């Protein structure tokens, strides 16, 4: 078995602290950045902000509704948040790197998945990348919009 990683990054024109707070808030912030129609629903089972949170969500991928459950950790609070899936072994990281004295942030969403070795693994990796990368691009676009509007509300 081999590891395959998919990632996307974007410059978010809002304070890094705010951006991270939106990502880590699974009650109010995070649901707003999940792009439809891929993400159908999300439910908080435990906690809700940062480390110790447990979430379930449904995604529609290739016409199939799939359910996921993840435990949230923060190896570097304020900078790195990790969602570790219960069943499939996938690990998704959100990394927030401050820019412009903390007034902006480069955010990277990356997922590491286990794939088979050989030609089937290469095909799995290609398909996974082509499924998830466009979703991450949209998620980062929504994060930029949500963070900009959050500033207006406050």
N, C-alpha and C. Protein backbone atom coordinates (compact mmCIF):
# COMPACT_ATOMS: atom_id res chain seq x y z
N UNK A 1 0.84 -1.17 0.00
CA UNK A 1 0.00 0.00 0.00
C UNK A 1 0.89 1.25 0.00
N UNK A 2 0.38 2.29 -0.61
CA UNK A 2 1.13 3.54 -0.72
C UNK A 2 0.25 4.70 -0.26
N UNK A 3 0.89 5.82 0.05
CA UNK A 3 0.18 7.04 0.43
C UNK A 3 0.07 7.94 -0.80
N UNK A 4 -1.07 8.58 -0.95
CA UNK A 4 -1.30 9.53 -2.03
C UNK A 4 -1.83 10.82 -1.41
N UNK A 5 -1.29 11.96 -1.82
CA UNK A 5 -1.73 13.23 -1.24
C UNK A 5 -2.30 14.15 -2.31
N UNK A 6 -3.41 14.78 -1.95
CA UNK A 6 -4.08 15.78 -2.78
C UNK A 6 -4.08 17.06 -2.00
N UNK A 7 -3.74 18.19 -2.65
CA UNK A 7 -3.76 19.45 -1.91
C UNK A 7 -4.08 20.62 -2.82
N UNK A 8 -4.51 21.68 -2.17
CA UNK A 8 -4.75 22.94 -2.85
C UNK A 8 -4.51 24.06 -1.85
N UNK A 9 -3.94 25.16 -2.32
CA UNK A 9 -3.64 26.31 -1.47
C UNK A 9 -4.19 27.58 -2.09
N UNK A 10 -4.47 28.55 -1.22
CA UNK A 10 -4.93 29.86 -1.69
C UNK A 10 -4.58 30.92 -0.66
N UNK A 11 -4.37 32.13 -1.16
CA UNK A 11 -4.17 33.28 -0.29
C UNK A 11 -5.55 33.81 0.10
N UNK A 12 -5.79 33.86 1.40
CA UNK A 12 -7.06 34.36 1.93
C UNK A 12 -6.80 35.75 2.48
N UNK A 13 -7.53 36.74 1.98
CA UNK A 13 -7.28 38.14 2.32
C UNK A 13 -8.00 38.56 3.60
N UNK A 14 -7.81 37.79 4.65
CA UNK A 14 -8.39 38.08 5.96
C UNK A 14 -7.36 37.66 7.01
N UNK A 15 -7.47 38.20 8.22
CA UNK A 15 -6.50 37.85 9.26
C UNK A 15 -6.42 36.34 9.51
N UNK A 16 -5.20 35.85 9.63
CA UNK A 16 -4.96 34.43 9.83
C UNK A 16 -5.71 33.89 11.04
N UNK A 17 -5.76 34.66 12.11
CA UNK A 17 -6.46 34.23 13.32
C UNK A 17 -7.94 33.99 13.05
N UNK A 18 -8.57 34.88 12.30
CA UNK A 18 -9.98 34.74 11.94
C UNK A 18 -10.18 33.53 11.04
N UNK A 19 -9.31 33.38 10.05
CA UNK A 19 -9.42 32.27 9.10
C UNK A 19 -9.36 30.93 9.84
N UNK A 20 -8.40 30.80 10.75
CA UNK A 20 -8.28 29.56 11.51
C UNK A 20 -9.52 29.34 12.38
N UNK A 21 -10.02 30.40 12.99
CA UNK A 21 -11.21 30.29 13.85
C UNK A 21 -12.41 29.79 13.06
N UNK A 22 -12.57 30.24 11.83
CA UNK A 22 -13.67 29.78 10.98
C UNK A 22 -13.53 28.29 10.68
N UNK A 23 -12.33 27.87 10.32
CA UNK A 23 -12.08 26.45 10.01
C UNK A 23 -12.34 25.58 11.23
N UNK A 24 -11.91 26.02 12.40
CA UNK A 24 -11.98 25.21 13.62
C UNK A 24 -13.38 25.18 14.25
N UNK A 25 -14.27 26.07 13.82
CA UNK A 25 -15.61 26.15 14.40
C UNK A 25 -16.58 25.31 13.57
N UNK A 26 -16.81 24.08 14.01
CA UNK A 26 -17.66 23.15 13.26
C UNK A 26 -19.15 23.40 13.47
N UNK A 27 -19.50 24.31 14.36
CA UNK A 27 -20.91 24.67 14.53
C UNK A 27 -21.31 25.79 13.56
N UNK A 28 -20.49 26.84 13.48
CA UNK A 28 -20.88 28.03 12.73
C UNK A 28 -20.02 28.34 11.51
N UNK A 29 -18.71 28.18 11.62
CA UNK A 29 -17.80 28.57 10.55
C UNK A 29 -17.61 27.52 9.48
N UNK A 30 -17.15 26.35 9.90
CA UNK A 30 -16.79 25.30 8.94
C UNK A 30 -17.93 24.91 8.00
N UNK A 31 -19.16 24.78 8.49
CA UNK A 31 -20.24 24.41 7.56
C UNK A 31 -20.41 25.41 6.40
N UNK A 32 -20.05 26.67 6.64
CA UNK A 32 -20.22 27.69 5.60
C UNK A 32 -19.20 27.58 4.47
N UNK A 33 -18.10 26.87 4.72
CA UNK A 33 -17.06 26.78 3.68
C UNK A 33 -17.18 25.50 2.84
N UNK A 34 -18.10 24.61 3.22
CA UNK A 34 -18.25 23.34 2.51
C UNK A 34 -19.08 23.53 1.24
N UNK A 35 -18.47 23.29 0.08
CA UNK A 35 -19.17 23.56 -1.18
C UNK A 35 -20.26 22.54 -1.51
N UNK A 36 -21.39 23.08 -1.92
CA UNK A 36 -22.48 22.26 -2.44
C UNK A 36 -22.20 22.08 -3.93
N UNK A 37 -22.63 21.08 -4.58
CA UNK A 37 -23.49 20.00 -4.12
C UNK A 37 -22.72 18.84 -3.49
N UNK A 38 -21.39 18.97 -3.40
CA UNK A 38 -20.58 17.85 -2.90
C UNK A 38 -20.92 17.50 -1.45
N UNK A 39 -20.94 18.52 -0.58
CA UNK A 39 -21.26 18.30 0.82
C UNK A 39 -22.76 18.43 1.01
N UNK A 40 -23.39 17.35 1.42
CA UNK A 40 -24.84 17.31 1.56
C UNK A 40 -25.25 17.72 2.97
N UNK A 41 -24.49 17.26 3.98
CA UNK A 41 -24.81 17.61 5.36
C UNK A 41 -23.57 17.41 6.23
N UNK A 42 -23.60 18.05 7.40
CA UNK A 42 -22.55 17.86 8.40
C UNK A 42 -23.19 17.97 9.77
N UNK A 43 -22.79 17.10 10.66
CA UNK A 43 -23.34 17.08 12.01
C UNK A 43 -22.20 16.93 13.01
N UNK A 44 -22.26 17.73 14.08
CA UNK A 44 -21.28 17.64 15.16
C UNK A 44 -21.79 16.63 16.17
N UNK A 45 -20.99 15.59 16.42
CA UNK A 45 -21.35 14.56 17.41
C UNK A 45 -20.83 14.92 18.80
N UNK A 46 -19.70 15.59 18.83
CA UNK A 46 -19.05 15.90 20.10
C UNK A 46 -18.23 17.17 19.94
N UNK A 47 -18.21 18.00 20.98
CA UNK A 47 -17.41 19.23 20.93
C UNK A 47 -18.01 20.21 19.94
N UNK A 48 -17.16 20.71 19.08
CA UNK A 48 -17.64 21.65 18.07
C UNK A 48 -16.60 22.67 17.67
N UNK A 49 -15.62 22.91 18.57
CA UNK A 49 -14.56 23.86 18.22
C UNK A 49 -13.22 23.20 18.48
N UNK A 50 -12.48 22.99 17.39
CA UNK A 50 -11.11 22.49 17.50
C UNK A 50 -10.97 21.08 18.01
N UNK A 51 -9.84 20.85 18.68
CA UNK A 51 -9.44 19.52 19.13
C UNK A 51 -10.52 18.85 19.99
N UNK A 52 -10.73 17.55 19.73
CA UNK A 52 -11.73 16.79 20.48
C UNK A 52 -13.08 16.76 19.80
N UNK A 53 -13.27 17.57 18.78
CA UNK A 53 -14.53 17.57 18.04
C UNK A 53 -14.64 16.27 17.23
N UNK A 54 -15.84 15.75 17.14
CA UNK A 54 -16.13 14.60 16.28
C UNK A 54 -17.27 15.02 15.36
N UNK A 55 -17.05 14.87 14.06
CA UNK A 55 -18.05 15.28 13.08
C UNK A 55 -18.38 14.14 12.13
N UNK A 56 -19.60 14.17 11.62
CA UNK A 56 -20.05 13.26 10.57
C UNK A 56 -20.54 14.12 9.42
N UNK A 57 -20.29 13.69 8.21
CA UNK A 57 -20.82 14.42 7.08
C UNK A 57 -21.11 13.46 5.95
N UNK A 58 -21.96 13.94 5.05
CA UNK A 58 -22.31 13.18 3.86
C UNK A 58 -21.83 13.97 2.65
N UNK A 59 -21.25 13.23 1.71
CA UNK A 59 -20.77 13.83 0.47
C UNK A 59 -21.34 13.05 -0.71
N UNK A 60 -21.63 13.77 -1.76
CA UNK A 60 -22.06 13.13 -3.00
C UNK A 60 -20.86 13.16 -3.94
N UNK A 61 -20.32 11.98 -4.22
CA UNK A 61 -19.16 11.84 -5.09
C UNK A 61 -19.48 10.84 -6.19
N UNK A 62 -19.31 11.28 -7.41
CA UNK A 62 -19.58 10.43 -8.57
C UNK A 62 -20.99 9.82 -8.51
N UNK A 63 -21.96 10.63 -8.06
CA UNK A 63 -23.34 10.20 -8.03
C UNK A 63 -23.71 9.31 -6.86
N UNK A 64 -22.76 9.07 -5.96
CA UNK A 64 -23.01 8.19 -4.81
C UNK A 64 -22.91 9.00 -3.53
N UNK A 65 -23.86 8.80 -2.64
CA UNK A 65 -23.84 9.46 -1.33
C UNK A 65 -22.98 8.64 -0.39
N UNK A 66 -21.95 9.28 0.18
CA UNK A 66 -21.04 8.59 1.09
C UNK A 66 -21.03 9.29 2.44
N UNK A 67 -20.90 8.49 3.49
CA UNK A 67 -20.86 9.03 4.84
C UNK A 67 -19.45 8.92 5.40
N UNK A 68 -19.04 9.96 6.13
CA UNK A 68 -17.72 10.00 6.74
C UNK A 68 -17.86 10.44 8.19
N UNK A 69 -16.89 10.05 8.99
CA UNK A 69 -16.85 10.45 10.40
C UNK A 69 -15.39 10.72 10.72
N UNK A 70 -15.12 11.83 11.39
CA UNK A 70 -13.73 12.19 11.68
C UNK A 70 -13.59 12.76 13.08
N UNK A 71 -12.41 12.55 13.63
CA UNK A 71 -12.01 13.14 14.91
C UNK A 71 -11.04 14.27 14.59
N UNK A 72 -11.23 15.41 15.25
CA UNK A 72 -10.42 16.60 15.00
C UNK A 72 -9.33 16.72 16.05
N UNK A 73 -8.12 17.00 15.58
CA UNK A 73 -7.00 17.32 16.47
C UNK A 73 -6.36 18.61 15.99
N UNK A 74 -5.58 19.22 16.87
CA UNK A 74 -4.86 20.45 16.52
C UNK A 74 -3.40 20.29 16.94
N UNK A 75 -2.58 19.68 16.07
CA UNK A 75 -1.17 19.51 16.41
C UNK A 75 -0.45 20.84 16.66
N UNK A 76 -0.91 21.89 15.98
CA UNK A 76 -0.40 23.25 16.18
C UNK A 76 -1.61 24.19 16.25
N UNK A 77 -2.21 24.35 17.44
CA UNK A 77 -3.40 25.19 17.55
C UNK A 77 -3.17 26.59 16.95
N UNK A 78 -4.16 27.03 16.19
CA UNK A 78 -4.05 28.32 15.52
C UNK A 78 -3.35 28.25 14.18
N UNK A 79 -2.75 27.09 13.86
CA UNK A 79 -2.04 26.95 12.59
C UNK A 79 -2.39 25.66 11.83
N UNK A 80 -2.50 24.52 12.53
CA UNK A 80 -2.75 23.24 11.87
C UNK A 80 -3.90 22.51 12.56
N UNK A 81 -4.91 22.16 11.76
CA UNK A 81 -6.06 21.39 12.23
C UNK A 81 -6.12 20.13 11.37
N UNK A 82 -6.37 18.98 12.01
CA UNK A 82 -6.37 17.70 11.30
C UNK A 82 -7.68 16.96 11.54
N UNK A 83 -8.27 16.46 10.44
CA UNK A 83 -9.45 15.60 10.49
C UNK A 83 -9.00 14.19 10.13
N UNK A 84 -9.14 13.26 11.08
CA UNK A 84 -8.75 11.87 10.83
C UNK A 84 -10.01 11.03 10.72
N UNK A 85 -10.22 10.47 9.53
CA UNK A 85 -11.42 9.66 9.28
C UNK A 85 -11.36 8.36 10.05
N UNK A 86 -12.51 7.98 10.59
CA UNK A 86 -12.62 6.73 11.34
C UNK A 86 -12.37 5.51 10.46
N UNK A 87 -13.07 5.42 9.34
CA UNK A 87 -13.07 4.18 8.58
C UNK A 87 -12.02 4.06 7.50
N UNK A 88 -11.86 5.07 6.68
CA UNK A 88 -11.05 4.92 5.48
C UNK A 88 -9.58 5.23 5.61
N UNK A 89 -9.15 5.71 6.74
CA UNK A 89 -7.74 6.02 6.91
C UNK A 89 -7.30 7.33 6.26
N UNK A 90 -8.22 8.09 5.72
CA UNK A 90 -7.87 9.38 5.13
C UNK A 90 -7.63 10.40 6.23
N UNK A 91 -6.64 11.26 6.00
CA UNK A 91 -6.32 12.33 6.94
C UNK A 91 -6.30 13.64 6.17
N UNK A 92 -7.14 14.59 6.59
CA UNK A 92 -7.19 15.90 5.94
C UNK A 92 -6.64 16.94 6.89
N UNK A 93 -5.73 17.77 6.36
CA UNK A 93 -5.09 18.83 7.14
C UNK A 93 -5.47 20.19 6.59
N UNK A 94 -5.69 21.12 7.49
CA UNK A 94 -5.87 22.52 7.15
C UNK A 94 -4.69 23.25 7.78
N UNK A 95 -3.86 23.86 6.95
CA UNK A 95 -2.70 24.59 7.45
C UNK A 95 -2.89 26.06 7.11
N UNK A 96 -2.81 26.91 8.14
CA UNK A 96 -2.99 28.35 7.98
C UNK A 96 -1.65 29.01 8.27
N UNK A 97 -1.08 29.64 7.23
CA UNK A 97 0.22 30.31 7.36
C UNK A 97 0.03 31.82 7.23
N UNK A 98 0.25 32.56 8.32
CA UNK A 98 0.05 34.00 8.28
C UNK A 98 0.94 34.69 7.23
N UNK A 99 0.39 35.72 6.64
CA UNK A 99 1.11 36.58 5.68
C UNK A 99 0.78 38.02 6.03
N UNK A 100 1.58 38.94 5.53
CA UNK A 100 1.36 40.38 5.72
C UNK A 100 1.12 40.72 7.19
N UNK A 101 2.01 40.24 8.05
CA UNK A 101 1.89 40.53 9.47
C UNK A 101 0.65 39.95 10.11
N UNK A 102 0.14 38.85 9.56
CA UNK A 102 -1.04 38.20 10.11
C UNK A 102 -2.35 38.71 9.55
N UNK A 103 -2.30 39.69 8.64
CA UNK A 103 -3.52 40.27 8.08
C UNK A 103 -4.07 39.49 6.89
N UNK A 104 -3.33 38.46 6.48
CA UNK A 104 -3.78 37.54 5.42
C UNK A 104 -3.20 36.17 5.76
N UNK A 105 -3.60 35.16 5.01
CA UNK A 105 -3.10 33.82 5.29
C UNK A 105 -3.09 32.98 4.01
N UNK A 106 -2.06 32.16 3.87
CA UNK A 106 -2.09 31.12 2.86
C UNK A 106 -2.65 29.89 3.55
N UNK A 107 -3.73 29.38 3.00
CA UNK A 107 -4.38 28.19 3.57
C UNK A 107 -4.19 27.04 2.60
N UNK A 108 -3.75 25.91 3.15
CA UNK A 108 -3.59 24.69 2.36
C UNK A 108 -4.50 23.62 2.95
N UNK A 109 -5.29 23.02 2.07
CA UNK A 109 -6.09 21.85 2.44
C UNK A 109 -5.42 20.67 1.75
N UNK A 110 -5.07 19.64 2.52
CA UNK A 110 -4.46 18.46 1.92
C UNK A 110 -5.05 17.21 2.55
N UNK A 111 -5.18 16.19 1.73
CA UNK A 111 -5.67 14.90 2.20
C UNK A 111 -4.70 13.82 1.78
N UNK A 112 -4.38 12.97 2.73
CA UNK A 112 -3.53 11.82 2.47
C UNK A 112 -4.40 10.57 2.57
N UNK A 113 -4.36 9.75 1.52
CA UNK A 113 -5.15 8.52 1.49
C UNK A 113 -4.25 7.34 1.15
N UNK A 114 -4.66 6.17 1.58
CA UNK A 114 -3.93 4.95 1.27
C UNK A 114 -4.48 4.41 -0.05
N UNK A 115 -3.56 4.11 -0.96
CA UNK A 115 -3.94 3.51 -2.25
C UNK A 115 -3.14 2.23 -2.46
N UNK A 116 -3.62 1.43 -3.37
CA UNK A 116 -2.91 0.19 -3.70
C UNK A 116 -1.61 0.49 -4.42
N UNK A 117 -0.71 -0.47 -4.39
CA UNK A 117 0.52 -0.38 -5.17
C UNK A 117 0.20 -0.69 -6.64
N UNK A 118 1.10 -0.32 -7.52
CA UNK A 118 0.98 -0.68 -8.92
C UNK A 118 0.03 0.18 -9.72
N UNK A 119 -0.37 -0.36 -10.85
CA UNK A 119 -1.18 0.40 -11.80
C UNK A 119 -2.56 0.75 -11.23
N UNK A 120 -3.16 -0.16 -10.44
CA UNK A 120 -4.46 0.14 -9.83
C UNK A 120 -4.32 1.31 -8.85
N UNK A 121 -3.23 1.36 -8.12
CA UNK A 121 -2.99 2.47 -7.20
C UNK A 121 -2.82 3.78 -7.93
N UNK A 122 -2.13 3.74 -9.04
CA UNK A 122 -1.96 4.97 -9.84
C UNK A 122 -3.32 5.47 -10.34
N UNK A 123 -4.17 4.55 -10.76
CA UNK A 123 -5.51 4.91 -11.21
C UNK A 123 -6.34 5.47 -10.05
N UNK A 124 -6.27 4.82 -8.88
CA UNK A 124 -6.96 5.33 -7.69
C UNK A 124 -6.49 6.73 -7.34
N UNK A 125 -5.17 6.94 -7.37
CA UNK A 125 -4.62 8.25 -7.05
C UNK A 125 -5.08 9.31 -8.03
N UNK A 126 -5.09 8.98 -9.31
CA UNK A 126 -5.53 9.92 -10.34
C UNK A 126 -6.99 10.29 -10.13
N UNK A 127 -7.83 9.27 -9.87
CA UNK A 127 -9.26 9.53 -9.68
C UNK A 127 -9.51 10.36 -8.42
N UNK A 128 -8.82 10.03 -7.35
CA UNK A 128 -8.98 10.75 -6.10
C UNK A 128 -8.59 12.21 -6.27
N UNK A 129 -7.48 12.45 -6.94
CA UNK A 129 -7.03 13.82 -7.19
C UNK A 129 -8.06 14.58 -8.01
N UNK A 130 -8.56 13.95 -9.06
CA UNK A 130 -9.53 14.63 -9.93
C UNK A 130 -10.89 14.84 -9.27
N UNK A 131 -11.20 14.05 -8.25
CA UNK A 131 -12.43 14.26 -7.49
C UNK A 131 -12.26 15.37 -6.45
N UNK A 132 -11.17 15.30 -5.67
CA UNK A 132 -11.03 16.18 -4.52
C UNK A 132 -10.44 17.55 -4.82
N UNK A 133 -9.50 17.64 -5.74
CA UNK A 133 -8.85 18.93 -5.98
C UNK A 133 -9.84 20.04 -6.32
N UNK A 134 -10.79 19.83 -7.25
CA UNK A 134 -11.76 20.91 -7.54
C UNK A 134 -12.63 21.26 -6.33
N UNK A 135 -12.91 20.28 -5.48
CA UNK A 135 -13.69 20.56 -4.27
C UNK A 135 -12.89 21.46 -3.34
N UNK A 136 -11.60 21.19 -3.20
CA UNK A 136 -10.74 22.01 -2.33
C UNK A 136 -10.60 23.44 -2.86
N UNK A 137 -10.51 23.57 -4.17
CA UNK A 137 -10.44 24.91 -4.77
C UNK A 137 -11.71 25.69 -4.42
N UNK A 138 -12.87 25.07 -4.55
CA UNK A 138 -14.14 25.74 -4.20
C UNK A 138 -14.22 26.02 -2.71
N UNK A 139 -13.75 25.09 -1.89
CA UNK A 139 -13.78 25.29 -0.44
C UNK A 139 -12.92 26.49 -0.04
N UNK A 140 -11.77 26.64 -0.67
CA UNK A 140 -10.91 27.78 -0.38
C UNK A 140 -11.54 29.09 -0.86
N UNK A 141 -12.21 29.05 -2.00
CA UNK A 141 -12.93 30.24 -2.49
C UNK A 141 -14.02 30.64 -1.50
N UNK A 142 -14.77 29.65 -1.01
CA UNK A 142 -15.82 29.95 -0.04
C UNK A 142 -15.24 30.45 1.28
N UNK A 143 -14.11 29.88 1.70
CA UNK A 143 -13.46 30.36 2.92
C UNK A 143 -13.08 31.83 2.77
N UNK A 144 -12.57 32.22 1.62
CA UNK A 144 -12.20 33.61 1.37
C UNK A 144 -13.44 34.52 1.48
N UNK A 145 -14.56 34.08 0.89
CA UNK A 145 -15.80 34.87 0.93
C UNK A 145 -16.37 34.94 2.35
N UNK A 146 -16.39 33.79 3.04
CA UNK A 146 -16.93 33.76 4.40
C UNK A 146 -16.10 34.66 5.32
N UNK A 147 -14.78 34.57 5.22
CA UNK A 147 -13.91 35.39 6.08
C UNK A 147 -14.10 36.88 5.78
N UNK A 148 -14.24 37.24 4.51
CA UNK A 148 -14.45 38.64 4.15
C UNK A 148 -15.77 39.14 4.71
N UNK A 149 -16.82 38.35 4.63
CA UNK A 149 -18.14 38.74 5.15
C UNK A 149 -18.16 38.72 6.66
N UNK A 150 -17.38 37.85 7.27
CA UNK A 150 -17.31 37.78 8.73
C UNK A 150 -16.76 39.08 9.25
N UNK A 151 -15.77 39.63 8.55
CA UNK A 151 -15.19 40.91 8.96
C UNK A 151 -16.25 42.02 8.91
N UNK A 152 -17.11 41.97 7.90
CA UNK A 152 -18.14 42.99 7.75
C UNK A 152 -19.15 42.90 8.89
N UNK A 153 -19.51 41.67 9.30
CA UNK A 153 -20.48 41.47 10.37
C UNK A 153 -19.98 42.01 11.70
N UNK A 154 -18.71 41.86 11.95
CA UNK A 154 -18.14 42.19 13.26
C UNK A 154 -17.98 43.70 13.44
